[in-house]
């Protein structure tokens, strides 16, 4: 861990913690059809980041690795999309902002991995 930051250096652990942290969030929201559906999509996308990163680490070649990392980037972007559609009624806005920040940071990390690997 960094000195002034509680996020792990290990990206596999960080993506796992992100997925785990997202699971309770939709349960705290007002029960609406939109929140139910968007919440499900949010949980799926955030969990998919970690699952695909694990697969990337076990890839059978550079093409396979790139495909999985690009999927991680896509799912991280999606994890930043769905929470924006959730109706928090102002109560959970700070929690949502925190999740959106982490989704954006993960998108940037996976984007950097793609750029470095393509060189």
PDB file of N, CA and C in Angstrom:
ATOM      1  N   UNK A   1       0.842  -1.175   0.000  1.00  0.00           N
ATOM      2  CA  UNK A   1       0.000   0.000   0.000  1.00  0.00           C
ATOM      3  C   UNK A   1       0.891   1.244   0.000  1.00  0.00           C
ATOM      4  N   UNK A   2       0.367   2.306  -0.581  1.00  0.00           N
ATOM      5  CA  UNK A   2       1.126   3.543  -0.575  1.00  0.00           C
ATOM      6  C   UNK A   2       1.009   4.192   0.792  1.00  0.00           C
ATOM      7  N   UNK A   3       1.919   5.128   1.069  1.00  0.00           N
ATOM      8  CA  UNK A   3       1.932   5.764   2.384  1.00  0.00           C
ATOM      9  C   UNK A   3       0.654   6.543   2.677  1.00  0.00           C
ATOM     10  N   UNK A   4       0.189   7.321   1.685  1.00  0.00           N
ATOM     11  CA  UNK A   4      -0.957   8.185   1.934  1.00  0.00           C
ATOM     12  C   UNK A   4      -2.231   7.691   1.255  1.00  0.00           C
ATOM     13  N   UNK A   5      -2.220   6.455   0.832  1.00  0.00           N
ATOM     14  CA  UNK A   5      -3.362   5.919   0.101  1.00  0.00           C
ATOM     15  C   UNK A   5      -3.628   4.497   0.579  1.00  0.00           C
ATOM     16  N   UNK A   6      -4.893   4.155   0.745  1.00  0.00           N
ATOM     17  CA  UNK A   6      -5.224   2.829   1.270  1.00  0.00           C
ATOM     18  C   UNK A   6      -5.445   1.797   0.171  1.00  0.00           C
ATOM     19  N   UNK A   7      -5.292   2.172  -1.105  1.00  0.00           N
ATOM     20  CA  UNK A   7      -5.513   1.214  -2.188  1.00  0.00           C
ATOM     21  C   UNK A   7      -4.293   0.321  -2.361  1.00  0.00           C
ATOM     22  N   UNK A   8      -4.532  -0.942  -2.620  1.00  0.00           N
ATOM     23  CA  UNK A   8      -3.414  -1.881  -2.794  1.00  0.00           C
ATOM     24  C   UNK A   8      -2.679  -1.647  -4.109  1.00  0.00           C
ATOM     25  N   UNK A   9      -1.365  -1.945  -4.097  1.00  0.00           N
ATOM     26  CA  UNK A   9      -0.569  -1.902  -5.323  1.00  0.00           C
ATOM     27  C   UNK A   9      -0.986  -3.034  -6.252  1.00  0.00           C
ATOM     28  N   UNK A  10      -1.288  -4.172  -5.698  1.00  0.00           N
ATOM     29  CA  UNK A  10      -1.649  -5.360  -6.460  1.00  0.00           C
ATOM     30  C   UNK A  10      -2.975  -5.107  -7.169  1.00  0.00           C
ATOM     31  N   UNK A  11      -2.931  -5.022  -8.502  1.00  0.00           N
ATOM     32  CA  UNK A  11      -4.133  -4.689  -9.264  1.00  0.00           C
ATOM     33  C   UNK A  11      -5.200  -5.768  -9.145  1.00  0.00           C
ATOM     34  N   UNK A  12      -4.783  -7.014  -9.017  1.00  0.00           N
ATOM     35  CA  UNK A  12      -5.757  -8.087  -8.843  1.00  0.00           C
ATOM     36  C   UNK A  12      -6.520  -7.894  -7.534  1.00  0.00           C
ATOM     37  N   UNK A  13      -5.820  -7.518  -6.496  1.00  0.00           N
ATOM     38  CA  UNK A  13      -6.466  -7.269  -5.207  1.00  0.00           C
ATOM     39  C   UNK A  13      -7.335  -6.005  -5.273  1.00  0.00           C
ATOM     40  N   UNK A  14      -6.829  -4.989  -5.947  1.00  0.00           N
ATOM     41  CA  UNK A  14      -7.581  -3.728  -6.055  1.00  0.00           C
ATOM     42  C   UNK A  14      -8.895  -3.936  -6.809  1.00  0.00           C
ATOM     43  N   UNK A  15      -8.861  -4.695  -7.895  1.00  0.00           N
ATOM     44  CA  UNK A  15     -10.091  -4.933  -8.641  1.00  0.00           C
ATOM     45  C   UNK A  15     -11.066  -5.802  -7.845  1.00  0.00           C
ATOM     46  N   UNK A  16     -10.510  -6.735  -7.072  1.00  0.00           N
ATOM     47  CA  UNK A  16     -11.355  -7.557  -6.198  1.00  0.00           C
ATOM     48  C   UNK A  16     -12.040  -6.677  -5.147  1.00  0.00           C
ATOM     49  N   UNK A  17     -11.273  -5.803  -4.524  1.00  0.00           N
ATOM     50  CA  UNK A  17     -11.824  -4.916  -3.489  1.00  0.00           C
ATOM     51  C   UNK A  17     -12.876  -3.979  -4.082  1.00  0.00           C
ATOM     52  N   UNK A  18     -12.664  -3.531  -5.301  1.00  0.00           N
ATOM     53  CA  UNK A  18     -13.650  -2.676  -5.969  1.00  0.00           C
ATOM     54  C   UNK A  18     -14.963  -3.435  -6.161  1.00  0.00           C
ATOM     55  N   UNK A  19     -14.867  -4.649  -6.671  1.00  0.00           N
ATOM     56  CA  UNK A  19     -16.076  -5.458  -6.875  1.00  0.00           C
ATOM     57  C   UNK A  19     -16.788  -5.714  -5.553  1.00  0.00           C
ATOM     58  N   UNK A  20     -16.019  -6.035  -4.540  1.00  0.00           N
ATOM     59  CA  UNK A  20     -16.596  -6.325  -3.220  1.00  0.00           C
ATOM     60  C   UNK A  20     -17.265  -5.079  -2.616  1.00  0.00           C
ATOM     61  N   UNK A  21     -16.645  -3.926  -2.803  1.00  0.00           N
ATOM     62  CA  UNK A  21     -17.193  -2.684  -2.245  1.00  0.00           C
ATOM     63  C   UNK A  21     -18.485  -2.268  -2.943  1.00  0.00           C
ATOM     64  N   UNK A  22     -18.655  -2.680  -4.193  1.00  0.00           N
ATOM     65  CA  UNK A  22     -19.839  -2.273  -4.953  1.00  0.00           C
ATOM     66  C   UNK A  22     -21.085  -3.074  -4.623  1.00  0.00           C
ATOM     67  N   UNK A  23     -20.920  -4.271  -4.129  1.00  0.00           N
ATOM     68  CA  UNK A  23     -22.071  -5.150  -3.903  1.00  0.00           C
ATOM     69  C   UNK A  23     -23.125  -4.557  -2.956  1.00  0.00           C
ATOM     70  N   UNK A  24     -22.764  -3.954  -1.831  1.00  0.00           N
ATOM     71  CA  UNK A  24     -23.803  -3.446  -0.932  1.00  0.00           C
ATOM     72  C   UNK A  24     -24.442  -2.126  -1.387  1.00  0.00           C
ATOM     73  N   UNK A  25     -23.783  -1.398  -2.278  1.00  0.00           N
ATOM     74  CA  UNK A  25     -24.276  -0.070  -2.657  1.00  0.00           C
ATOM     75  C   UNK A  25     -25.709  -0.081  -3.202  1.00  0.00           C
ATOM     76  N   UNK A  26     -26.018  -0.899  -4.208  1.00  0.00           N
ATOM     77  CA  UNK A  26     -27.400  -0.881  -4.730  1.00  0.00           C
ATOM     78  C   UNK A  26     -28.457  -1.272  -3.697  1.00  0.00           C
ATOM     79  N   UNK A  27     -28.071  -2.048  -2.707  1.00  0.00           N
ATOM     80  CA  UNK A  27     -29.036  -2.469  -1.677  1.00  0.00           C
ATOM     81  C   UNK A  27     -29.500  -1.292  -0.825  1.00  0.00           C
ATOM     82  N   UNK A  28     -28.697  -0.228  -0.773  1.00  0.00           N
ATOM     83  CA  UNK A  28     -29.025   0.941   0.049  1.00  0.00           C
ATOM     84  C   UNK A  28     -29.913   1.945  -0.680  1.00  0.00           C
ATOM     85  N   UNK A  29     -30.125   1.728  -1.968  1.00  0.00           N
ATOM     86  CA  UNK A  29     -30.867   2.673  -2.789  1.00  0.00           C
ATOM     87  C   UNK A  29     -32.368   2.482  -2.652  1.00  0.00           C
ATOM     88  N   UNK A  30     -33.125   3.535  -2.981  1.00  0.00           N
ATOM     89  CA  UNK A  30     -34.583   3.376  -3.008  1.00  0.00           C
ATOM     90  C   UNK A  30     -34.970   2.273  -3.989  1.00  0.00           C
ATOM     91  N   UNK A  31     -35.980   1.507  -3.641  1.00  0.00           N
ATOM     92  CA  UNK A  31     -36.409   0.385  -4.494  1.00  0.00           C
ATOM     93  C   UNK A  31     -37.271   0.911  -5.639  1.00  0.00           C
ATOM     94  N   UNK A  32     -36.629   0.974  -6.802  1.00  0.00           N
ATOM     95  CA  UNK A  32     -37.345   1.340  -8.024  1.00  0.00           C
ATOM     96  C   UNK A  32     -36.932   0.338  -9.095  1.00  0.00           C
ATOM     97  N   UNK A  33     -37.701   0.269 -10.163  1.00  0.00           N
ATOM     98  CA  UNK A  33     -37.353  -0.642 -11.252  1.00  0.00           C
ATOM     99  C   UNK A  33     -35.997  -0.266 -11.837  1.00  0.00           C
ATOM    100  N   UNK A  34     -35.781   1.031 -12.048  1.00  0.00           N
ATOM    101  CA  UNK A  34     -34.507   1.499 -12.600  1.00  0.00           C
ATOM    102  C   UNK A  34     -33.332   1.149 -11.709  1.00  0.00           C
ATOM    103  N   UNK A  35     -33.451   1.409 -10.424  1.00  0.00           N
ATOM    104  CA  UNK A  35     -32.351   1.099  -9.505  1.00  0.00           C
ATOM    105  C   UNK A  35     -32.066  -0.394  -9.458  1.00  0.00           C
ATOM    106  N   UNK A  36     -33.099  -1.203  -9.534  1.00  0.00           N
ATOM    107  CA  UNK A  36     -32.906  -2.656  -9.524  1.00  0.00           C
ATOM    108  C   UNK A  36     -32.131  -3.100 -10.758  1.00  0.00           C
ATOM    109  N   UNK A  37     -32.561  -2.656 -11.917  1.00  0.00           N
ATOM    110  CA  UNK A  37     -31.912  -3.080 -13.171  1.00  0.00           C
ATOM    111  C   UNK A  37     -30.522  -2.485 -13.320  1.00  0.00           C
ATOM    112  N   UNK A  38     -30.374  -1.195 -13.071  1.00  0.00           N
ATOM    113  CA  UNK A  38     -29.067  -0.558 -13.209  1.00  0.00           C
ATOM    114  C   UNK A  38     -28.107  -1.073 -12.142  1.00  0.00           C
ATOM    115  N   UNK A  39     -28.625  -1.347 -10.975  1.00  0.00           N
ATOM    116  CA  UNK A  39     -27.790  -1.901  -9.903  1.00  0.00           C
ATOM    117  C   UNK A  39     -27.229  -3.266 -10.272  1.00  0.00           C
ATOM    118  N   UNK A  40     -28.057  -4.097 -10.896  1.00  0.00           N
ATOM    119  CA  UNK A  40     -27.587  -5.415 -11.349  1.00  0.00           C
ATOM    120  C   UNK A  40     -26.476  -5.263 -12.379  1.00  0.00           C
ATOM    121  N   UNK A  41     -26.674  -4.365 -13.329  1.00  0.00           N
ATOM    122  CA  UNK A  41     -25.666  -4.138 -14.360  1.00  0.00           C
ATOM    123  C   UNK A  41     -24.360  -3.629 -13.739  1.00  0.00           C
ATOM    124  N   UNK A  42     -24.482  -2.750 -12.777  1.00  0.00           N
ATOM    125  CA  UNK A  42     -23.319  -2.192 -12.086  1.00  0.00           C
ATOM    126  C   UNK A  42     -22.529  -3.291 -11.377  1.00  0.00           C
ATOM    127  N   UNK A  43     -23.224  -4.159 -10.670  1.00  0.00           N
ATOM    128  CA  UNK A  43     -22.554  -5.245  -9.957  1.00  0.00           C
ATOM    129  C   UNK A  43     -21.884  -6.203 -10.945  1.00  0.00           C
ATOM    130  N   UNK A  44     -22.573  -6.516 -12.037  1.00  0.00           N
ATOM    131  CA  UNK A  44     -21.979  -7.409 -13.044  1.00  0.00           C
ATOM    132  C   UNK A  44     -20.718  -6.806 -13.653  1.00  0.00           C
ATOM    133  N   UNK A  45     -20.784  -5.545 -14.034  1.00  0.00           N
ATOM    134  CA  UNK A  45     -19.642  -4.895 -14.681  1.00  0.00           C
ATOM    135  C   UNK A  45     -18.454  -4.806 -13.727  1.00  0.00           C
ATOM    136  N   UNK A  46     -18.698  -4.405 -12.501  1.00  0.00           N
ATOM    137  CA  UNK A  46     -17.580  -4.239 -11.562  1.00  0.00           C
ATOM    138  C   UNK A  46     -16.946  -5.579 -11.198  1.00  0.00           C
ATOM    139  N   UNK A  47     -17.738  -6.632 -11.114  1.00  0.00           N
ATOM    140  CA  UNK A  47     -17.186  -7.962 -10.846  1.00  0.00           C
ATOM    141  C   UNK A  47     -16.440  -8.522 -12.038  1.00  0.00           C
ATOM    142  N   UNK A  48     -16.867  -8.136 -13.221  1.00  0.00           N
ATOM    143  CA  UNK A  48     -16.233  -8.610 -14.437  1.00  0.00           C
ATOM    144  C   UNK A  48     -14.815  -8.072 -14.597  1.00  0.00           C
ATOM    145  N   UNK A  49     -14.544  -6.901 -14.069  1.00  0.00           N
ATOM    146  CA  UNK A  49     -13.196  -6.334 -14.161  1.00  0.00           C
ATOM    147  C   UNK A  49     -12.198  -7.297 -13.534  1.00  0.00           C
ATOM    148  N   UNK A  50     -12.469  -7.705 -12.323  1.00  0.00           N
ATOM    149  CA  UNK A  50     -11.562  -8.594 -11.598  1.00  0.00           C
ATOM    150  C   UNK A  50     -11.452  -9.956 -12.274  1.00  0.00           C
ATOM    151  N   UNK A  51     -12.580 -10.508 -12.683  1.00  0.00           N
ATOM    152  CA  UNK A  51     -12.561 -11.824 -13.327  1.00  0.00           C
ATOM    153  C   UNK A  51     -11.731 -11.797 -14.606  1.00  0.00           C
ATOM    154  N   UNK A  52     -11.890 -10.759 -15.401  1.00  0.00           N
ATOM    155  CA  UNK A  52     -11.121 -10.663 -16.641  1.00  0.00           C
ATOM    156  C   UNK A  52      -9.653 -10.361 -16.385  1.00  0.00           C
ATOM    157  N   UNK A  53      -9.360  -9.624 -15.324  1.00  0.00           N
ATOM    158  CA  UNK A  53      -7.955  -9.360 -15.003  1.00  0.00           C
ATOM    159  C   UNK A  53      -7.261 -10.656 -14.561  1.00  0.00           C
ATOM    160  N   UNK A  54      -7.948 -11.478 -13.813  1.00  0.00           N
ATOM    161  CA  UNK A  54      -7.395 -12.781 -13.431  1.00  0.00           C
ATOM    162  C   UNK A  54      -7.108 -13.597 -14.696  1.00  0.00           C
ATOM    163  N   UNK A  55      -8.044 -13.593 -15.632  1.00  0.00           N
ATOM    164  CA  UNK A  55      -7.841 -14.321 -16.887  1.00  0.00           C
ATOM    165  C   UNK A  55      -6.681 -13.727 -17.688  1.00  0.00           C
ATOM    166  N   UNK A  56      -6.536 -12.415 -17.679  1.00  0.00           N
ATOM    167  CA  UNK A  56      -5.422 -11.778 -18.397  1.00  0.00           C
ATOM    168  C   UNK A  56      -4.085 -12.229 -17.825  1.00  0.00           C
ATOM    169  N   UNK A  57      -4.033 -12.368 -16.522  1.00  0.00           N
ATOM    170  CA  UNK A  57      -2.795 -12.811 -15.876  1.00  0.00           C
ATOM    171  C   UNK A  57      -2.463 -14.263 -16.203  1.00  0.00           C
ATOM    172  N   UNK A  58      -3.435 -15.003 -16.665  1.00  0.00           N
ATOM    173  CA  UNK A  58      -3.230 -16.405 -17.049  1.00  0.00           C
ATOM    174  C   UNK A  58      -3.337 -16.585 -18.564  1.00  0.00           C
ATOM    175  N   UNK A  59      -3.165 -15.512 -19.302  1.00  0.00           N
ATOM    176  CA  UNK A  59      -3.365 -15.551 -20.750  1.00  0.00           C
ATOM    177  C   UNK A  59      -2.361 -16.483 -21.429  1.00  0.00           C
ATOM    178  N   UNK A  60      -2.727 -16.917 -22.620  1.00  0.00           N
ATOM    179  CA  UNK A  60      -1.887 -17.861 -23.360  1.00  0.00           C
ATOM    180  C   UNK A  60      -1.055 -17.171 -24.438  1.00  0.00           C
ATOM    181  N   UNK A  61      -1.115 -15.859 -24.476  1.00  0.00           N
ATOM    182  CA  UNK A  61      -0.330 -15.116 -25.449  1.00  0.00           C
ATOM    183  C   UNK A  61      -0.672 -13.641 -25.379  1.00  0.00           C
ATOM    184  N   UNK A  62       0.065 -12.841 -26.148  1.00  0.00           N
ATOM    185  CA  UNK A  62      -0.131 -11.392 -26.120  1.00  0.00           C
ATOM    186  C   UNK A  62      -1.523 -10.986 -26.608  1.00  0.00           C
ATOM    187  N   UNK A  63      -2.018 -11.630 -27.665  1.00  0.00           N
ATOM    188  CA  UNK A  63      -3.351 -11.295 -28.190  1.00  0.00           C
ATOM    189  C   UNK A  63      -4.429 -11.580 -27.144  1.00  0.00           C
ATOM    190  N   UNK A  64      -4.318 -12.729 -26.500  1.00  0.00           N
ATOM    191  CA  UNK A  64      -5.272 -13.099 -25.454  1.00  0.00           C
ATOM    192  C   UNK A  64      -5.196 -12.096 -24.304  1.00  0.00           C
ATOM    193  N   UNK A  65      -3.976 -11.743 -23.902  1.00  0.00           N
ATOM    194  CA  UNK A  65      -3.769 -10.763 -22.827  1.00  0.00           C
ATOM    195  C   UNK A  65      -4.439  -9.439 -23.192  1.00  0.00           C
ATOM    196  N   UNK A  66      -4.185  -8.955 -24.396  1.00  0.00           N
ATOM    197  CA  UNK A  66      -4.746  -7.674 -24.821  1.00  0.00           C
ATOM    198  C   UNK A  66      -6.267  -7.709 -24.844  1.00  0.00           C
ATOM    199  N   UNK A  67      -6.828  -8.798 -25.322  1.00  0.00           N
ATOM    200  CA  UNK A  67      -8.285  -8.907 -25.361  1.00  0.00           C
ATOM    201  C   UNK A  67      -8.864  -8.801 -23.941  1.00  0.00           C
ATOM    202  N   UNK A  68      -8.259  -9.508 -22.997  1.00  0.00           N
ATOM    203  CA  UNK A  68      -8.759  -9.490 -21.617  1.00  0.00           C
ATOM    204  C   UNK A  68      -8.569  -8.123 -20.969  1.00  0.00           C
ATOM    205  N   UNK A  69      -7.434  -7.483 -21.221  1.00  0.00           N
ATOM    206  CA  UNK A  69      -7.183  -6.157 -20.638  1.00  0.00           C
ATOM    207  C   UNK A  69      -8.140  -5.130 -21.232  1.00  0.00           C
ATOM    208  N   UNK A  70      -8.399  -5.235 -22.520  1.00  0.00           N
ATOM    209  CA  UNK A  70      -9.374  -4.323 -23.140  1.00  0.00           C
ATOM    210  C   UNK A  70     -10.770  -4.564 -22.581  1.00  0.00           C
ATOM    211  N   UNK A  71     -11.082  -5.810 -22.273  1.00  0.00           N
ATOM    212  CA  UNK A  71     -12.362  -6.110 -21.632  1.00  0.00           C
ATOM    213  C   UNK A  71     -12.401  -5.493 -20.236  1.00  0.00           C
ATOM    214  N   UNK A  72     -11.297  -5.565 -19.511  1.00  0.00           N
ATOM    215  CA  UNK A  72     -11.222  -4.927 -18.187  1.00  0.00           C
ATOM    216  C   UNK A  72     -11.488  -3.428 -18.303  1.00  0.00           C
ATOM    217  N   UNK A  73     -10.847  -2.800 -19.301  1.00  0.00           N
ATOM    218  CA  UNK A  73     -11.034  -1.359 -19.509  1.00  0.00           C
ATOM    219  C   UNK A  73     -12.504  -1.054 -19.831  1.00  0.00           C
ATOM    220  N   UNK A  74     -13.098  -1.856 -20.703  1.00  0.00           N
ATOM    221  CA  UNK A  74     -14.497  -1.651 -21.082  1.00  0.00           C
ATOM    222  C   UNK A  74     -15.421  -1.799 -19.866  1.00  0.00           C
ATOM    223  N   UNK A  75     -15.181  -2.831 -19.060  1.00  0.00           N
ATOM    224  CA  UNK A  75     -16.023  -3.058 -17.879  1.00  0.00           C
ATOM    225  C   UNK A  75     -15.805  -1.972 -16.819  1.00  0.00           C
ATOM    226  N   UNK A  76     -14.592  -1.458 -16.722  1.00  0.00           N
ATOM    227  CA  UNK A  76     -14.327  -0.352 -15.789  1.00  0.00           C
ATOM    228  C   UNK A  76     -15.087   0.898 -16.231  1.00  0.00           C
ATOM    229  N   UNK A  77     -15.086   1.148 -17.549  1.00  0.00           N
ATOM    230  CA  UNK A  77     -15.865   2.283 -18.071  1.00  0.00           C
ATOM    231  C   UNK A  77     -17.347   2.093 -17.754  1.00  0.00           C
ATOM    232  N   UNK A  78     -17.825   0.869 -17.957  1.00  0.00           N
ATOM    233  CA  UNK A  78     -19.230   0.578 -17.685  1.00  0.00           C
ATOM    234  C   UNK A  78     -19.534   0.732 -16.194  1.00  0.00           C
ATOM    235  N   UNK A  79     -18.577   0.397 -15.352  1.00  0.00           N
ATOM    236  CA  UNK A  79     -18.761   0.553 -13.902  1.00  0.00           C
ATOM    237  C   UNK A  79     -18.853   2.017 -13.503  1.00  0.00           C
ATOM    238  N   UNK A  80     -18.381   2.885 -14.371  1.00  0.00           N
ATOM    239  CA  UNK A  80     -18.537   4.318 -14.142  1.00  0.00           C
ATOM    240  C   UNK A  80     -19.810   4.875 -14.766  1.00  0.00           C
ATOM    241  N   UNK A  81     -20.436   4.087 -15.611  1.00  0.00           N
ATOM    242  CA  UNK A  81     -21.661   4.522 -16.281  1.00  0.00           C
ATOM    243  C   UNK A  81     -22.910   4.239 -15.446  1.00  0.00           C
ATOM    244  N   UNK A  82     -23.067   2.989 -15.022  1.00  0.00           N
ATOM    245  CA  UNK A  82     -24.312   2.583 -14.348  1.00  0.00           C
ATOM    246  C   UNK A  82     -24.611   3.369 -13.079  1.00  0.00           C
ATOM    247  N   UNK A  83     -23.636   3.642 -12.223  1.00  0.00           N
ATOM    248  CA  UNK A  83     -23.976   4.378 -10.990  1.00  0.00           C
ATOM    249  C   UNK A  83     -24.527   5.781 -11.259  1.00  0.00           C
ATOM    250  N   UNK A  84     -24.148   6.353 -12.386  1.00  0.00           N
ATOM    251  CA  UNK A  84     -24.652   7.684 -12.726  1.00  0.00           C
ATOM    252  C   UNK A  84     -26.151   7.656 -12.993  1.00  0.00           C
ATOM    253  N   UNK A  85     -26.675   6.496 -13.373  1.00  0.00           N
ATOM    254  CA  UNK A  85     -28.107   6.360 -13.647  1.00  0.00           C
ATOM    255  C   UNK A  85     -28.915   6.020 -12.397  1.00  0.00           C
ATOM    256  N   UNK A  86     -28.241   5.610 -11.340  1.00  0.00           N
ATOM    257  CA  UNK A  86     -28.942   5.213 -10.118  1.00  0.00           C
ATOM    258  C   UNK A  86     -29.493   6.433  -9.385  1.00  0.00           C
ATOM    259  N   UNK A  87     -30.707   6.305  -8.880  1.00  0.00           N
ATOM    260  CA  UNK A  87     -31.359   7.376  -8.138  1.00  0.00           C
ATOM    261  C   UNK A  87     -30.993   7.246  -6.661  1.00  0.00           C
ATOM    262  N   UNK A  88     -30.125   8.149  -6.211  1.00  0.00           N
ATOM    263  CA  UNK A  88     -29.660   8.091  -4.816  1.00  0.00           C
ATOM    264  C   UNK A  88     -30.456   8.996  -3.886  1.00  0.00           C
ATOM    265  N   UNK A  89     -31.347   9.815  -4.433  1.00  0.00           N
ATOM    266  CA  UNK A  89     -32.109  10.785  -3.633  1.00  0.00           C
ATOM    267  C   UNK A  89     -31.202  11.680  -2.793  1.00  0.00           C
ATOM    268  N   UNK A  90     -29.991  11.915  -3.246  1.00  0.00           N
ATOM    269  CA  UNK A  90     -29.067  12.795  -2.536  1.00  0.00           C
ATOM    270  C   UNK A  90     -28.390  12.176  -1.337  1.00  0.00           C
ATOM    271  N   UNK A  91     -28.902  11.054  -0.842  1.00  0.00           N
ATOM    272  CA  UNK A  91     -28.375  10.465   0.387  1.00  0.00           C
ATOM    273  C   UNK A  91     -27.041   9.754   0.196  1.00  0.00           C
ATOM    274  N   UNK A  92     -26.854   9.126  -0.932  1.00  0.00           N
ATOM    275  CA  UNK A  92     -25.661   8.316  -1.162  1.00  0.00           C
ATOM    276  C   UNK A  92     -24.744   8.924  -2.225  1.00  0.00           C
ATOM    277  N   UNK A  93     -24.890  10.216  -2.468  1.00  0.00           N
ATOM    278  CA  UNK A  93     -24.100  10.865  -3.511  1.00  0.00           C
ATOM    279  C   UNK A  93     -22.600  10.772  -3.258  1.00  0.00           C
ATOM    280  N   UNK A  94     -22.166  10.906  -2.012  1.00  0.00           N
ATOM    281  CA  UNK A  94     -20.724  10.847  -1.732  1.00  0.00           C
ATOM    282  C   UNK A  94     -20.195   9.423  -1.925  1.00  0.00           C
ATOM    283  N   UNK A  95     -20.979   8.426  -1.556  1.00  0.00           N
ATOM    284  CA  UNK A  95     -20.563   7.037  -1.776  1.00  0.00           C
ATOM    285  C   UNK A  95     -20.489   6.754  -3.268  1.00  0.00           C
ATOM    286  N   UNK A  96     -21.464   7.246  -4.011  1.00  0.00           N
ATOM    287  CA  UNK A  96     -21.459   7.062  -5.461  1.00  0.00           C
ATOM    288  C   UNK A  96     -20.244   7.762  -6.075  1.00  0.00           C
ATOM    289  N   UNK A  97     -19.934   8.952  -5.619  1.00  0.00           N
ATOM    290  CA  UNK A  97     -18.780   9.691  -6.147  1.00  0.00           C
ATOM    291  C   UNK A  97     -17.483   8.918  -5.927  1.00  0.00           C
ATOM    292  N   UNK A  98     -17.371   8.288  -4.780  1.00  0.00           N
ATOM    293  CA  UNK A  98     -16.185   7.487  -4.480  1.00  0.00           C
ATOM    294  C   UNK A  98     -16.068   6.292  -5.426  1.00  0.00           C
ATOM    295  N   UNK A  99     -17.180   5.614  -5.680  1.00  0.00           N
ATOM    296  CA  UNK A  99     -17.185   4.475  -6.602  1.00  0.00           C
ATOM    297  C   UNK A  99     -16.863   4.923  -8.023  1.00  0.00           C
ATOM    298  N   UNK A 100     -17.391   6.072  -8.410  1.00  0.00           N
ATOM    299  CA  UNK A 100     -17.115   6.599  -9.743  1.00  0.00           C
ATOM    300  C   UNK A 100     -15.642   6.968  -9.907  1.00  0.00           C
ATOM    301  N   UNK A 101     -15.050   7.513  -8.856  1.00  0.00           N
ATOM    302  CA  UNK A 101     -13.630   7.863  -8.896  1.00  0.00           C
ATOM    303  C   UNK A 101     -12.777   6.618  -9.099  1.00  0.00           C
ATOM    304  N   UNK A 102     -13.080   5.558  -8.352  1.00  0.00           N
ATOM    305  CA  UNK A 102     -12.313   4.318  -8.492  1.00  0.00           C
ATOM    306  C   UNK A 102     -12.518   3.699  -9.872  1.00  0.00           C
ATOM    307  N   UNK A 103     -13.734   3.747 -10.391  1.00  0.00           N
ATOM    308  CA  UNK A 103     -13.996   3.222 -11.740  1.00  0.00           C
ATOM    309  C   UNK A 103     -13.177   3.998 -12.770  1.00  0.00           C
ATOM    310  N   UNK A 104     -13.116   5.308 -12.622  1.00  0.00           N
ATOM    311  CA  UNK A 104     -12.345   6.146 -13.542  1.00  0.00           C
ATOM    312  C   UNK A 104     -10.852   5.827 -13.442  1.00  0.00           C
ATOM    313  N   UNK A 105     -10.359   5.657 -12.228  1.00  0.00           N
ATOM    314  CA  UNK A 105      -8.941   5.326 -12.038  1.00  0.00           C
ATOM    315  C   UNK A 105      -8.611   3.961 -12.645  1.00  0.00           C
ATOM    316  N   UNK A 106      -9.481   2.982 -12.449  1.00  0.00           N
ATOM    317  CA  UNK A 106      -9.256   1.665 -13.049  1.00  0.00           C
ATOM    318  C   UNK A 106      -9.296   1.742 -14.573  1.00  0.00           C
ATOM    319  N   UNK A 107     -10.209   2.531 -15.115  1.00  0.00           N
ATOM    320  CA  UNK A 107     -10.257   2.727 -16.569  1.00  0.00           C
ATOM    321  C   UNK A 107      -8.929   3.285 -17.063  1.00  0.00           C
ATOM    322  N   UNK A 108      -8.403   4.267 -16.359  1.00  0.00           N
ATOM    323  CA  UNK A 108      -7.125   4.874 -16.740  1.00  0.00           C
ATOM    324  C   UNK A 108      -5.974   3.879 -16.630  1.00  0.00           C
ATOM    325  N   UNK A 109      -5.967   3.076 -15.589  1.00  0.00           N
ATOM    326  CA  UNK A 109      -4.905   2.073 -15.403  1.00  0.00           C
ATOM    327  C   UNK A 109      -4.935   1.066 -16.549  1.00  0.00           C
ATOM    328  N   UNK A 110      -6.109   0.548 -16.851  1.00  0.00           N
ATOM    329  CA  UNK A 110      -6.199  -0.438 -17.934  1.00  0.00           C
ATOM    330  C   UNK A 110      -5.913   0.198 -19.291  1.00  0.00           C
ATOM    331  N   UNK A 111      -6.288   1.442 -19.460  1.00  0.00           N
ATOM    332  CA  UNK A 111      -5.943   2.155 -20.679  1.00  0.00           C
ATOM    333  C   UNK A 111      -4.439   2.288 -20.847  1.00  0.00           C
ATOM    334  N   UNK A 112      -3.742   2.577 -19.751  1.00  0.00           N
ATOM    335  CA  UNK A 112      -2.282   2.691 -19.792  1.00  0.00           C
ATOM    336  C   UNK A 112      -1.642   1.343 -20.111  1.00  0.00           C
ATOM    337  N   UNK A 113      -2.187   0.274 -19.555  1.00  0.00           N
ATOM    338  CA  UNK A 113      -1.665  -1.074 -19.846  1.00  0.00           C
ATOM    339  C   UNK A 113      -1.834  -1.381 -21.334  1.00  0.00           C
ATOM    340  N   UNK A 114      -2.972  -1.033 -21.889  1.00  0.00           N
ATOM    341  CA  UNK A 114      -3.218  -1.264 -23.324  1.00  0.00           C
ATOM    342  C   UNK A 114      -2.195  -0.483 -24.153  1.00  0.00           C
ATOM    343  N   UNK A 115      -2.021   0.791 -23.831  1.00  0.00           N
ATOM    344  CA  UNK A 115      -1.078   1.619 -24.604  1.00  0.00           C
ATOM    345  C   UNK A 115       0.348   1.080 -24.504  1.00  0.00           C
ATOM    346  N   UNK A 116       0.762   0.699 -23.312  1.00  0.00           N
ATOM    347  CA  UNK A 116       2.129   0.172 -23.140  1.00  0.00           C
ATOM    348  C   UNK A 116       2.323  -1.149 -23.871  1.00  0.00           C
ATOM    349  N   UNK A 117       1.334  -2.007 -23.805  1.00  0.00           N
ATOM    350  CA  UNK A 117       1.442  -3.317 -24.421  1.00  0.00           C
ATOM    351  C   UNK A 117       1.417  -3.216 -25.941  1.00  0.00           C
ATOM    352  N   UNK A 118       0.686  -2.246 -26.484  1.00  0.00           N
ATOM    353  CA  UNK A 118       0.607  -2.093 -27.935  1.00  0.00           C
ATOM    354  C   UNK A 118       1.896  -1.556 -28.538  1.00  0.00           C
ATOM    355  N   UNK A 119       2.733  -0.953 -27.747  1.00  0.00           N
ATOM    356  CA  UNK A 119       4.000  -0.389 -28.259  1.00  0.00           C
ATOM    357  C   UNK A 119       4.944  -1.460 -28.690  1.00  0.00           C
TER     358      UNK A 119
END
